[in-house]
PDB file of N, CA and C in Angstrom:
ATOM      1  N   MET A   1      90.807  44.657 -13.167  1.00  0.00           N
ATOM      2  CA  MET A   1      89.513  44.051 -14.282  1.00  0.00           C
ATOM      3  C   MET A   1      88.986  42.502 -13.796  1.00  0.00           C
ATOM      4  N   HIS A   2      88.051  42.044 -13.992  1.00  0.00           N
ATOM      5  CA  HIS A   2      87.524  40.997 -13.684  1.00  0.00           C
ATOM      6  C   HIS A   2      87.310  39.679 -14.839  1.00  0.00           C
ATOM      7  N   ALA A   3      87.171  38.763 -14.735  1.00  0.00           N
ATOM      8  CA  ALA A   3      86.797  37.757 -15.412  1.00  0.00           C
ATOM      9  C   ALA A   3      85.858  36.968 -15.209  1.00  0.00           C
ATOM     10  N   LEU A   4      85.205  36.606 -16.198  1.00  0.00           N
ATOM     11  CA  LEU A   4      83.826  35.837 -16.029  1.00  0.00           C
ATOM     12  C   LEU A   4      84.049  34.621 -17.143  1.00  0.00           C
ATOM     13  N   ILE A   5      84.109  33.437 -16.437  1.00  0.00           N
ATOM     14  CA  ILE A   5      84.355  32.176 -17.047  1.00  0.00           C
ATOM     15  C   ILE A   5      83.098  31.708 -16.876  1.00  0.00           C
ATOM     16  N   THR A   6      82.167  30.764 -17.871  1.00  0.00           N
ATOM     17  CA  THR A   6      80.717  30.433 -18.165  1.00  0.00           C
ATOM     18  C   THR A   6      81.024  28.957 -18.004  1.00  0.00           C
ATOM     19  N   ALA A   7      80.676  28.176 -17.089  1.00  0.00           N
ATOM     20  CA  ALA A   7      81.166  26.923 -17.014  1.00  0.00           C
ATOM     21  C   ALA A   7      79.738  26.043 -16.685  1.00  0.00           C
ATOM     22  N   GLY A   8      78.600  26.352 -16.963  1.00  0.00           N
ATOM     23  CA  GLY A   8      77.366  25.748 -16.876  1.00  0.00           C
ATOM     24  C   GLY A   8      77.364  24.466 -17.821  1.00  0.00           C
ATOM     25  N   GLY A   9      76.406  23.770 -17.415  1.00  0.00           N
ATOM     26  CA  GLY A   9      76.142  22.631 -18.286  1.00  0.00           C
ATOM     27  C   GLY A   9      76.330  21.136 -18.306  1.00  0.00           C
ATOM     28  N   ILE A  10      75.441  20.069 -17.759  1.00  0.00           N
ATOM     29  CA  ILE A  10      76.045  18.917 -17.677  1.00  0.00           C
ATOM     30  C   ILE A  10      74.957  18.029 -18.676  1.00  0.00           C
ATOM     31  N   PRO A  11      75.656  17.643 -19.648  1.00  0.00           N
ATOM     32  CA  PRO A  11      75.082  16.570 -20.631  1.00  0.00           C
ATOM     33  C   PRO A  11      73.993  15.703 -19.655  1.00  0.00           C
ATOM     34  N   LYS A  12      73.090  15.357 -20.658  1.00  0.00           N
ATOM     35  CA  LYS A  12      72.252  14.323 -20.096  1.00  0.00           C
ATOM     36  C   LYS A  12      72.457  13.223 -20.954  1.00  0.00           C
ATOM     37  N   PRO A  13      71.910  11.924 -20.761  1.00  0.00           N
ATOM     38  CA  PRO A  13      71.810  10.737 -21.644  1.00  0.00           C
ATOM     39  C   PRO A  13      71.213  11.056 -23.045  1.00  0.00           C
ATOM     40  N   GLY A  14      72.082  10.692 -24.098  1.00  0.00           N
ATOM     41  CA  GLY A  14      71.650  11.108 -25.379  1.00  0.00           C
ATOM     42  C   GLY A  14      72.394  12.268 -25.888  1.00  0.00           C
ATOM     43  N   GLU A  15      72.576  13.260 -25.268  1.00  0.00           N
ATOM     44  CA  GLU A  15      73.382  14.348 -25.290  1.00  0.00           C
ATOM     45  C   GLU A  15      74.711  14.392 -25.946  1.00  0.00           C
ATOM     46  N   HIS A  16      75.456  15.013 -26.694  1.00  0.00           N
ATOM     47  CA  HIS A  16      76.657  15.083 -27.053  1.00  0.00           C
ATOM     48  C   HIS A  16      77.422  15.422 -25.831  1.00  0.00           C
ATOM     49  N   LEU A  17      78.661  14.652 -25.525  1.00  0.00           N
ATOM     50  CA  LEU A  17      79.442  14.485 -24.785  1.00  0.00           C
ATOM     51  C   LEU A  17      78.959  13.787 -23.378  1.00  0.00           C
ATOM     52  N   TYR A  18      78.038  12.945 -23.513  1.00  0.00           N
ATOM     53  CA  TYR A  18      77.284  12.497 -22.331  1.00  0.00           C
ATOM     54  C   TYR A  18      78.240  10.906 -21.868  1.00  0.00           C
ATOM     55  N   ASP A  19      78.469  10.430 -23.238  1.00  0.00           N
ATOM     56  CA  ASP A  19      79.445   9.239 -22.834  1.00  0.00           C
ATOM     57  C   ASP A  19      80.779   9.666 -22.070  1.00  0.00           C
ATOM     58  N   GLN A  20      81.400  10.974 -22.146  1.00  0.00           N
ATOM     59  CA  GLN A  20      82.641  11.115 -21.721  1.00  0.00           C
ATOM     60  C   GLN A  20      82.517  11.716 -20.462  1.00  0.00           C
ATOM     61  N   THR A  21      81.164  12.449 -20.262  1.00  0.00           N
ATOM     62  CA  THR A  21      81.137  13.101 -18.955  1.00  0.00           C
ATOM     63  C   THR A  21      80.290  12.261 -17.899  1.00  0.00           C
ATOM     64  N   ARG A  22      79.315  11.287 -18.212  1.00  0.00           N
ATOM     65  CA  ARG A  22      78.553  10.564 -17.474  1.00  0.00           C
ATOM     66  C   ARG A  22      78.395  11.429 -16.248  1.00  0.00           C
ATOM     67  N   GLY A  23      77.442  12.585 -16.235  1.00  0.00           N
ATOM     68  CA  GLY A  23      77.012  13.515 -15.244  1.00  0.00           C
ATOM     69  C   GLY A  23      77.606  14.318 -14.724  1.00  0.00           C
ATOM     70  N   ILE A  24      78.713  14.441 -15.026  1.00  0.00           N
ATOM     71  CA  ILE A  24      79.477  15.608 -14.502  1.00  0.00           C
ATOM     72  C   ILE A  24      79.688  16.845 -15.339  1.00  0.00           C
ATOM     73  N   PRO A  25      79.637  18.049 -15.101  1.00  0.00           N
ATOM     74  CA  PRO A  25      79.751  19.491 -16.085  1.00  0.00           C
ATOM     75  C   PRO A  25      80.686  18.941 -17.296  1.00  0.00           C
ATOM     76  N   LYS A  26      80.328  19.939 -18.254  1.00  0.00           N
ATOM     77  CA  LYS A  26      81.375  19.595 -19.609  1.00  0.00           C
ATOM     78  C   LYS A  26      82.710  19.961 -19.166  1.00  0.00           C
ATOM     79  N   ALA A  27      82.515  21.423 -18.485  1.00  0.00           N
ATOM     80  CA  ALA A  27      83.790  22.017 -18.063  1.00  0.00           C
ATOM     81  C   ALA A  27      84.607  21.320 -17.226  1.00  0.00           C
ATOM     82  N   LEU A  28      84.408  20.177 -16.647  1.00  0.00           N
ATOM     83  CA  LEU A  28      85.402  19.236 -15.858  1.00  0.00           C
ATOM     84  C   LEU A  28      85.835  17.970 -16.699  1.00  0.00           C
ATOM     85  N   LEU A  29      85.501  17.892 -17.927  1.00  0.00           N
ATOM     86  CA  LEU A  29      85.877  17.194 -18.857  1.00  0.00           C
ATOM     87  C   LEU A  29      87.459  16.829 -18.728  1.00  0.00           C
ATOM     88  N   ASP A  30      87.984  16.088 -18.833  1.00  0.00           N
ATOM     89  CA  ASP A  30      89.902  15.843 -18.688  1.00  0.00           C
ATOM     90  C   ASP A  30      90.182  15.889 -20.333  1.00  0.00           C
ATOM     91  N   LEU A  31      91.108  16.822 -20.067  1.00  0.00           N
ATOM     92  CA  LEU A  31      91.720  16.974 -21.264  1.00  0.00           C
ATOM     93  C   LEU A  31      93.263  16.874 -21.076  1.00  0.00           C
ATOM     94  N   ASN A  32      93.902  15.876 -21.286  1.00  0.00           N
ATOM     95  CA  ASN A  32      95.563  16.128 -21.116  1.00  0.00           C
ATOM     96  C   ASN A  32      95.794  16.169 -19.437  1.00  0.00           C
ATOM     97  N   GLY A  33      94.831  15.476 -19.026  1.00  0.00           N
ATOM     98  CA  GLY A  33      95.412  15.395 -17.383  1.00  0.00           C
ATOM     99  C   GLY A  33      95.164  16.367 -16.521  1.00  0.00           C
ATOM    100  N   LYS A  34      93.768  17.271 -17.070  1.00  0.00           N
ATOM    101  CA  LYS A  34      93.413  18.452 -16.251  1.00  0.00           C
ATOM    102  C   LYS A  34      92.052  18.729 -16.773  1.00  0.00           C
ATOM    103  N   PRO A  35      91.278  19.091 -16.115  1.00  0.00           N
ATOM    104  CA  PRO A  35      89.604  19.511 -16.138  1.00  0.00           C
ATOM    105  C   PRO A  35      90.166  20.758 -17.717  1.00  0.00           C
ATOM    106  N   MET A  36      89.438  20.753 -18.175  1.00  0.00           N
ATOM    107  CA  MET A  36      89.024  21.348 -19.618  1.00  0.00           C
ATOM    108  C   MET A  36      88.920  22.945 -19.107  1.00  0.00           C
ATOM    109  N   ILE A  37      88.191  23.415 -18.123  1.00  0.00           N
ATOM    110  CA  ILE A  37      88.218  24.747 -17.551  1.00  0.00           C
ATOM    111  C   ILE A  37      89.267  25.076 -16.997  1.00  0.00           C
ATOM    112  N   GLN A  38      90.569  24.567 -16.394  1.00  0.00           N
ATOM    113  CA  GLN A  38      91.702  24.594 -15.863  1.00  0.00           C
ATOM    114  C   GLN A  38      92.271  25.208 -16.878  1.00  0.00           C
ATOM    115  N   TRP A  39      92.486  24.701 -17.973  1.00  0.00           N
ATOM    116  CA  TRP A  39      93.423  25.235 -18.933  1.00  0.00           C
ATOM    117  C   TRP A  39      93.129  26.762 -19.251  1.00  0.00           C
ATOM    118  N   VAL A  40      91.823  27.007 -19.456  1.00  0.00           N
ATOM    119  CA  VAL A  40      91.107  28.370 -19.813  1.00  0.00           C
ATOM    120  C   VAL A  40      91.239  29.379 -18.436  1.00  0.00           C
ATOM    121  N   LEU A  41      91.129  28.851 -17.190  1.00  0.00           N
ATOM    122  CA  LEU A  41      91.528  29.107 -16.118  1.00  0.00           C
ATOM    123  C   LEU A  41      92.967  29.883 -15.835  1.00  0.00           C
ATOM    124  N   ASP A  42      94.103  28.853 -16.299  1.00  0.00           N
ATOM    125  CA  ASP A  42      95.334  29.141 -16.186  1.00  0.00           C
ATOM    126  C   ASP A  42      95.687  30.199 -17.204  1.00  0.00           C
ATOM    127  N   ALA A  43      95.090  30.254 -18.278  1.00  0.00           N
ATOM    128  CA  ALA A  43      95.322  31.536 -19.171  1.00  0.00           C
ATOM    129  C   ALA A  43      94.665  32.840 -18.569  1.00  0.00           C
ATOM    130  N   VAL A  44      93.410  32.852 -18.280  1.00  0.00           N
ATOM    131  CA  VAL A  44      92.772  34.086 -17.331  1.00  0.00           C
ATOM    132  C   VAL A  44      93.931  34.681 -16.438  1.00  0.00           C
ATOM    133  N   ASP A  45      94.191  33.370 -15.447  1.00  0.00           N
ATOM    134  CA  ASP A  45      95.119  33.832 -14.135  1.00  0.00           C
ATOM    135  C   ASP A  45      96.495  34.348 -14.831  1.00  0.00           C
ATOM    136  N   GLY A  46      97.267  33.841 -15.899  1.00  0.00           N
ATOM    137  CA  GLY A  46      98.330  34.338 -16.245  1.00  0.00           C
ATOM    138  C   GLY A  46      98.321  35.967 -16.997  1.00  0.00           C
ATOM    139  N   SER A  47      97.065  36.539 -16.572  1.00  0.00           N
ATOM    140  CA  SER A  47      96.910  37.788 -17.525  1.00  0.00           C
ATOM    141  C   SER A  47      97.442  39.031 -16.340  1.00  0.00           C
ATOM    142  N   ALA A  48      97.970  39.993 -16.558  1.00  0.00           N
ATOM    143  CA  ALA A  48      98.347  41.187 -15.314  1.00  0.00           C
ATOM    144  C   ALA A  48      96.950  41.705 -15.130  1.00  0.00           C
ATOM    145  N   ASN A  49      96.361  41.728 -16.329  1.00  0.00           N
ATOM    146  CA  ASN A  49      95.027  42.673 -16.338  1.00  0.00           C
ATOM    147  C   ASN A  49      93.801  42.169 -15.534  1.00  0.00           C
ATOM    148  N   ILE A  50      93.892  40.869 -15.184  1.00  0.00           N
ATOM    149  CA  ILE A  50      92.868  40.201 -14.373  1.00  0.00           C
ATOM    150  C   ILE A  50      93.353  40.089 -12.723  1.00  0.00           C
ATOM    151  N   ASP A  51      92.373  40.757 -11.886  1.00  0.00           N
ATOM    152  CA  ASP A  51      92.381  40.537 -10.389  1.00  0.00           C
ATOM    153  C   ASP A  51      91.617  39.695  -9.726  1.00  0.00           C
ATOM    154  N   GLU A  52      90.457  39.252 -10.430  1.00  0.00           N
ATOM    155  CA  GLU A  52      89.364  38.357  -9.778  1.00  0.00           C
ATOM    156  C   GLU A  52      88.570  37.842 -11.020  1.00  0.00           C
ATOM    157  N   ILE A  53      88.354  36.412 -10.509  1.00  0.00           N
ATOM    158  CA  ILE A  53      88.025  35.403 -11.765  1.00  0.00           C
ATOM    159  C   ILE A  53      86.430  35.073 -11.023  1.00  0.00           C
ATOM    160  N   PHE A  54      85.313  35.063 -11.491  1.00  0.00           N
ATOM    161  CA  PHE A  54      84.095  34.581 -11.524  1.00  0.00           C
ATOM    162  C   PHE A  54      83.862  33.290 -12.375  1.00  0.00           C
ATOM    163  N   VAL A  55      83.528  32.416 -11.643  1.00  0.00           N
ATOM    164  CA  VAL A  55      82.996  31.049 -12.289  1.00  0.00           C
ATOM    165  C   VAL A  55      81.681  30.804 -12.307  1.00  0.00           C
ATOM    166  N   VAL A  56      80.974  30.872 -13.454  1.00  0.00           N
ATOM    167  CA  VAL A  56      79.490  30.364 -13.117  1.00  0.00           C
ATOM    168  C   VAL A  56      79.197  29.124 -13.663  1.00  0.00           C
ATOM    169  N   GLY A  57      78.727  28.298 -12.670  1.00  0.00           N
ATOM    170  CA  GLY A  57      78.217  26.877 -13.148  1.00  0.00           C
ATOM    171  C   GLY A  57      78.488  25.639 -12.245  1.00  0.00           C
ATOM    172  N   LEU A  58      79.881  25.948 -11.277  1.00  0.00           N
ATOM    173  CA  LEU A  58      80.672  25.060 -10.419  1.00  0.00           C
ATOM    174  C   LEU A  58      80.713  25.489  -9.202  1.00  0.00           C
ATOM    175  N   SER A  59      81.236  24.918  -8.482  1.00  0.00           N
ATOM    176  CA  SER A  59      81.240  24.851  -6.944  1.00  0.00           C
ATOM    177  C   SER A  59      82.614  24.944  -6.613  1.00  0.00           C
ATOM    178  N   ASP A  60      82.781  25.829  -5.270  1.00  0.00           N
ATOM    179  CA  ASP A  60      84.199  25.423  -4.857  1.00  0.00           C
ATOM    180  C   ASP A  60      84.661  23.840  -4.490  1.00  0.00           C
ATOM    181  N   THR A  61      84.083  22.920  -4.796  1.00  0.00           N
ATOM    182  CA  THR A  61      84.289  21.745  -4.401  1.00  0.00           C
ATOM    183  C   THR A  61      84.851  21.009  -5.875  1.00  0.00           C
ATOM    184  N   THR A  62      85.252  21.995  -6.769  1.00  0.00           N
ATOM    185  CA  THR A  62      85.900  21.277  -8.167  1.00  0.00           C
ATOM    186  C   THR A  62      87.433  20.889  -8.164  1.00  0.00           C
ATOM    187  N   GLY A  63      88.010  21.767  -6.944  1.00  0.00           N
ATOM    188  CA  GLY A  63      89.569  21.716  -7.009  1.00  0.00           C
ATOM    189  C   GLY A  63      90.075  22.549  -7.954  1.00  0.00           C
ATOM    190  N   LEU A  64      89.928  23.564  -8.704  1.00  0.00           N
ATOM    191  CA  LEU A  64      90.306  24.218  -9.433  1.00  0.00           C
ATOM    192  C   LEU A  64      91.476  25.263  -8.522  1.00  0.00           C
ATOM    193  N   ILE A  65      92.564  25.758  -9.581  1.00  0.00           N
ATOM    194  CA  ILE A  65      93.592  25.999  -8.778  1.00  0.00           C
ATOM    195  C   ILE A  65      93.958  27.419  -9.658  1.00  0.00           C
ATOM    196  N   SER A  66      94.146  28.593  -8.755  1.00  0.00           N
ATOM    197  CA  SER A  66      94.298  29.604  -9.308  1.00  0.00           C
ATOM    198  C   SER A  66      95.143  30.825  -8.198  1.00  0.00           C
ATOM    199  N   ARG A  67      96.104  31.278  -8.826  1.00  0.00           N
ATOM    200  CA  ARG A  67      96.797  32.467  -7.791  1.00  0.00           C
ATOM    201  C   ARG A  67      95.885  33.620  -7.599  1.00  0.00           C
ATOM    202  N   LYS A  68      94.575  33.824  -8.312  1.00  0.00           N
ATOM    203  CA  LYS A  68      94.121  35.108  -8.215  1.00  0.00           C
ATOM    204  C   LYS A  68      92.558  34.465  -7.659  1.00  0.00           C
ATOM    205  N   PRO A  69      91.954  35.341  -6.753  1.00  0.00           N
ATOM    206  CA  PRO A  69      90.762  34.691  -6.265  1.00  0.00           C
ATOM    207  C   PRO A  69      89.583  34.404  -7.185  1.00  0.00           C
ATOM    208  N   ILE A  70      89.259  32.974  -6.938  1.00  0.00           N
ATOM    209  CA  ILE A  70      87.855  32.573  -7.647  1.00  0.00           C
ATOM    210  C   ILE A  70      86.600  32.870  -6.819  1.00  0.00           C
ATOM    211  N   HIS A  71      85.788  33.500  -7.515  1.00  0.00           N
ATOM    212  CA  HIS A  71      84.453  33.531  -7.047  1.00  0.00           C
ATOM    213  C   HIS A  71      83.640  32.383  -7.722  1.00  0.00           C
ATOM    214  N   TYR A  72      82.710  31.718  -6.975  1.00  0.00           N
ATOM    215  CA  TYR A  72      81.730  30.744  -8.024  1.00  0.00           C
ATOM    216  C   TYR A  72      80.334  31.355  -8.014  1.00  0.00           C
ATOM    217  N   VAL A  73      79.559  31.432  -8.994  1.00  0.00           N
ATOM    218  CA  VAL A  73      78.558  31.702  -9.427  1.00  0.00           C
ATOM    219  C   VAL A  73      77.605  30.437  -9.408  1.00  0.00           C
ATOM    220  N   ASN A  74      76.145  30.190  -8.829  1.00  0.00           N
ATOM    221  CA  ASN A  74      75.680  29.112  -9.221  1.00  0.00           C
ATOM    222  C   ASN A  74      75.153  28.961 -10.823  1.00  0.00           C
ATOM    223  N   ASP A  75      74.940  27.914 -11.347  1.00  0.00           N
ATOM    224  CA  ASP A  75      74.639  27.765 -12.717  1.00  0.00           C
ATOM    225  C   ASP A  75      72.879  28.340 -12.643  1.00  0.00           C
ATOM    226  N   ALA A  76      72.623  29.069 -13.629  1.00  0.00           N
ATOM    227  CA  ALA A  76      71.309  29.765 -13.914  1.00  0.00           C
ATOM    228  C   ALA A  76      70.459  29.099 -14.576  1.00  0.00           C
ATOM    229  N   GLY A  77      71.216  27.768 -15.219  1.00  0.00           N
ATOM    230  CA  GLY A  77      70.274  27.212 -16.023  1.00  0.00           C
ATOM    231  C   GLY A  77      70.366  27.157 -18.032  1.00  0.00           C
ATOM    232  N   GLU A  78      70.575  28.435 -18.210  1.00  0.00           N
ATOM    233  CA  GLU A  78      70.725  28.660 -19.560  1.00  0.00           C
ATOM    234  C   GLU A  78      71.792  29.874 -19.808  1.00  0.00           C
ATOM    235  N   ALA A  79      72.756  29.704 -20.956  1.00  0.00           N
ATOM    236  CA  ALA A  79      73.830  30.498 -21.290  1.00  0.00           C
ATOM    237  C   ALA A  79      73.701  31.770 -20.786  1.00  0.00           C
ATOM    238  N   LEU A  80      72.524  32.576 -21.818  1.00  0.00           N
ATOM    239  CA  LEU A  80      72.397  33.877 -21.238  1.00  0.00           C
ATOM    240  C   LEU A  80      72.084  34.128 -19.761  1.00  0.00           C
ATOM    241  N   LEU A  81      71.597  33.123 -19.031  1.00  0.00           N
ATOM    242  CA  LEU A  81      71.061  33.652 -17.904  1.00  0.00           C
ATOM    243  C   LEU A  81      72.382  33.603 -16.836  1.00  0.00           C
ATOM    244  N   ASN A  82      73.059  32.797 -17.412  1.00  0.00           N
ATOM    245  CA  ASN A  82      74.635  32.371 -16.662  1.00  0.00           C
ATOM    246  C   ASN A  82      75.596  33.713 -16.764  1.00  0.00           C
ATOM    247  N   VAL A  83      75.546  34.195 -17.858  1.00  0.00           N
ATOM    248  CA  VAL A  83      76.245  35.803 -18.294  1.00  0.00           C
ATOM    249  C   VAL A  83      75.676  36.659 -17.400  1.00  0.00           C
ATOM    250  N   ILE A  84      74.433  36.876 -17.390  1.00  0.00           N
ATOM    251  CA  ILE A  84      73.588  37.814 -16.388  1.00  0.00           C
ATOM    252  C   ILE A  84      73.977  37.375 -14.780  1.00  0.00           C
ATOM    253  N   ALA A  85      74.115  36.058 -14.677  1.00  0.00           N
ATOM    254  CA  ALA A  85      74.213  35.882 -13.352  1.00  0.00           C
ATOM    255  C   ALA A  85      75.428  36.381 -12.864  1.00  0.00           C
ATOM    256  N   GLY A  86      76.715  35.586 -13.807  1.00  0.00           N
ATOM    257  CA  GLY A  86      77.893  36.123 -13.250  1.00  0.00           C
ATOM    258  C   GLY A  86      78.227  37.874 -13.414  1.00  0.00           C
ATOM    259  N   THR A  87      77.509  38.393 -14.104  1.00  0.00           N
ATOM    260  CA  THR A  87      77.800  39.807 -14.233  1.00  0.00           C
ATOM    261  C   THR A  87      77.009  40.854 -12.963  1.00  0.00           C
ATOM    262  N   GLU A  88      76.047  40.147 -12.565  1.00  0.00           N
ATOM    263  CA  GLU A  88      75.239  40.393 -11.366  1.00  0.00           C
ATOM    264  C   GLU A  88      76.693  40.279 -10.216  1.00  0.00           C
ATOM    265  N   ALA A  89      76.955  39.223 -10.193  1.00  0.00           N
ATOM    266  CA  ALA A  89      77.894  38.924  -8.834  1.00  0.00           C
ATOM    267  C   ALA A  89      79.094  39.874  -9.290  1.00  0.00           C
ATOM    268  N   MET A  90      79.716  39.888 -10.118  1.00  0.00           N
ATOM    269  CA  MET A  90      80.836  40.960 -10.302  1.00  0.00           C
ATOM    270  C   MET A  90      80.448  42.197 -10.007  1.00  0.00           C
ATOM    271  N   VAL A  91      79.121  42.861 -10.186  1.00  0.00           N
ATOM    272  CA  VAL A  91      78.719  44.331  -9.795  1.00  0.00           C
ATOM    273  C   VAL A  91      78.307  44.386  -8.569  1.00  0.00           C
ATOM    274  N   ALA A  92      78.139  43.157  -7.682  1.00  0.00           N
ATOM    275  CA  ALA A  92      77.721  43.153  -6.443  1.00  0.00           C
ATOM    276  C   ALA A  92      79.282  43.056  -5.777  1.00  0.00           C
ATOM    277  N   PHE A  93      79.745  42.739  -5.956  1.00  0.00           N
ATOM    278  CA  PHE A  93      81.694  42.449  -5.865  1.00  0.00           C
ATOM    279  C   PHE A  93      81.893  44.164  -5.842  1.00  0.00           C
ATOM    280  N   ASP A  94      81.948  44.391  -7.007  1.00  0.00           N
ATOM    281  CA  ASP A  94      82.644  45.621  -7.435  1.00  0.00           C
ATOM    282  C   ASP A  94      81.897  46.842  -7.955  1.00  0.00           C
ATOM    283  N   PRO A  95      81.034  47.127  -7.525  1.00  0.00           N
ATOM    284  CA  PRO A  95      79.826  47.998  -7.853  1.00  0.00           C
ATOM    285  C   PRO A  95      80.482  49.100  -9.121  1.00  0.00           C
ATOM    286  N   GLY A  96      81.740  49.336  -8.675  1.00  0.00           N
ATOM    287  CA  GLY A  96      82.519  50.378  -9.816  1.00  0.00           C
ATOM    288  C   GLY A  96      82.949  49.891 -11.008  1.00  0.00           C
ATOM    289  N   MET A  97      82.853  48.313 -11.325  1.00  0.00           N
ATOM    290  CA  MET A  97      83.236  47.748 -12.238  1.00  0.00           C
ATOM    291  C   MET A  97      82.571  48.436 -13.697  1.00  0.00           C
ATOM    292  N   TYR A  98      83.334  48.261 -14.636  1.00  0.00           N
ATOM    293  CA  TYR A  98      82.756  48.950 -15.852  1.00  0.00           C
ATOM    294  C   TYR A  98      83.343  48.278 -17.243  1.00  0.00           C
ATOM    295  N   ILE A  99      84.384  47.503 -17.138  1.00  0.00           N
ATOM    296  CA  ILE A  99      84.635  46.026 -18.069  1.00  0.00           C
ATOM    297  C   ILE A  99      85.192  44.929 -17.364  1.00  0.00           C
ATOM    298  N   PHE A 100      84.984  44.066 -17.933  1.00  0.00           N
ATOM    299  CA  PHE A 100      85.438  42.858 -17.792  1.00  0.00           C
ATOM    300  C   PHE A 100      85.646  41.808 -19.017  1.00  0.00           C
ATOM    301  N   LEU A 101      86.473  40.832 -18.720  1.00  0.00           N
ATOM    302  CA  LEU A 101      86.770  40.247 -19.557  1.00  0.00           C
ATOM    303  C   LEU A 101      85.711  38.825 -19.456  1.00  0.00           C
ATOM    304  N   MET A 102      85.246  38.306 -20.909  1.00  0.00           N
ATOM    305  CA  MET A 102      84.591  37.150 -20.711  1.00  0.00           C
ATOM    306  C   MET A 102      84.877  35.766 -21.505  1.00  0.00           C
ATOM    307  N   THR A 103      84.619  34.621 -20.934  1.00  0.00           N
ATOM    308  CA  THR A 103      85.071  33.526 -21.967  1.00  0.00           C
ATOM    309  C   THR A 103      84.419  32.417 -21.511  1.00  0.00           C
ATOM    310  N   SER A 104      84.420  31.204 -22.340  1.00  0.00           N
ATOM    311  CA  SER A 104      83.601  30.208 -21.926  1.00  0.00           C
ATOM    312  C   SER A 104      84.828  29.148 -21.653  1.00  0.00           C
ATOM    313  N   SER A 105      84.185  28.098 -20.546  1.00  0.00           N
ATOM    314  CA  SER A 105      85.320  27.142 -20.350  1.00  0.00           C
ATOM    315  C   SER A 105      85.385  26.401 -21.323  1.00  0.00           C
ATOM    316  N   GLY A 106      84.809  26.549 -22.739  1.00  0.00           N
ATOM    317  CA  GLY A 106      84.899  25.329 -23.497  1.00  0.00           C
ATOM    318  C   GLY A 106      86.074  25.698 -24.480  1.00  0.00           C
ATOM    319  N   ILE A 107      87.285  26.668 -24.101  1.00  0.00           N
ATOM    320  CA  ILE A 107      88.126  27.004 -25.320  1.00  0.00           C
ATOM    321  C   ILE A 107      89.437  26.742 -24.568  1.00  0.00           C
ATOM    322  N   PRO A 108      89.840  25.653 -24.359  1.00  0.00           N
ATOM    323  CA  PRO A 108      91.279  25.054 -23.715  1.00  0.00           C
ATOM    324  C   PRO A 108      92.266  25.575 -24.537  1.00  0.00           C
ATOM    325  N   ALA A 109      92.285  26.329 -25.714  1.00  0.00           N
ATOM    326  CA  ALA A 109      93.270  26.554 -26.519  1.00  0.00           C
ATOM    327  C   ALA A 109      93.521  28.071 -26.415  1.00  0.00           C
ATOM    328  N   LEU A 110      92.792  28.705 -25.307  1.00  0.00           N
ATOM    329  CA  LEU A 110      93.226  29.889 -24.971  1.00  0.00           C
ATOM    330  C   LEU A 110      94.430  30.176 -24.073  1.00  0.00           C
ATOM    331  N   THR A 111      95.108  31.234 -24.525  1.00  0.00           N
ATOM    332  CA  THR A 111      96.326  31.812 -24.139  1.00  0.00           C
ATOM    333  C   THR A 111      96.476  32.707 -23.516  1.00  0.00           C
ATOM    334  N   THR A 112      97.116  33.375 -22.930  1.00  0.00           N
ATOM    335  CA  THR A 112      97.451  34.466 -21.735  1.00  0.00           C
ATOM    336  C   THR A 112      97.521  35.730 -23.001  1.00  0.00           C
TER     337      THR A 112
END
């Protein structure tokens, strides 16, 4: 099974979290020494049911760590479009895929 983690969104001046992010994606906001998405990625990575991880909205330059392969999908500009883009990337990678796990990068308390 594959996992889709949505991680799009860069707050603009005047928006919520802009003072904390200053132009970086919300998913990379530092929480207790590591990016918020890394907490989510660690939980997903710990599942024996997940084989491949697809991250929508970030690039491979973010330094994320996983024992399982991470596939990066470009931000499509809106939450629903990111889900569609991630799903399309998973299907292109694995045409026989019929079920997947989806989560947001904004749930750092997620556990395996």
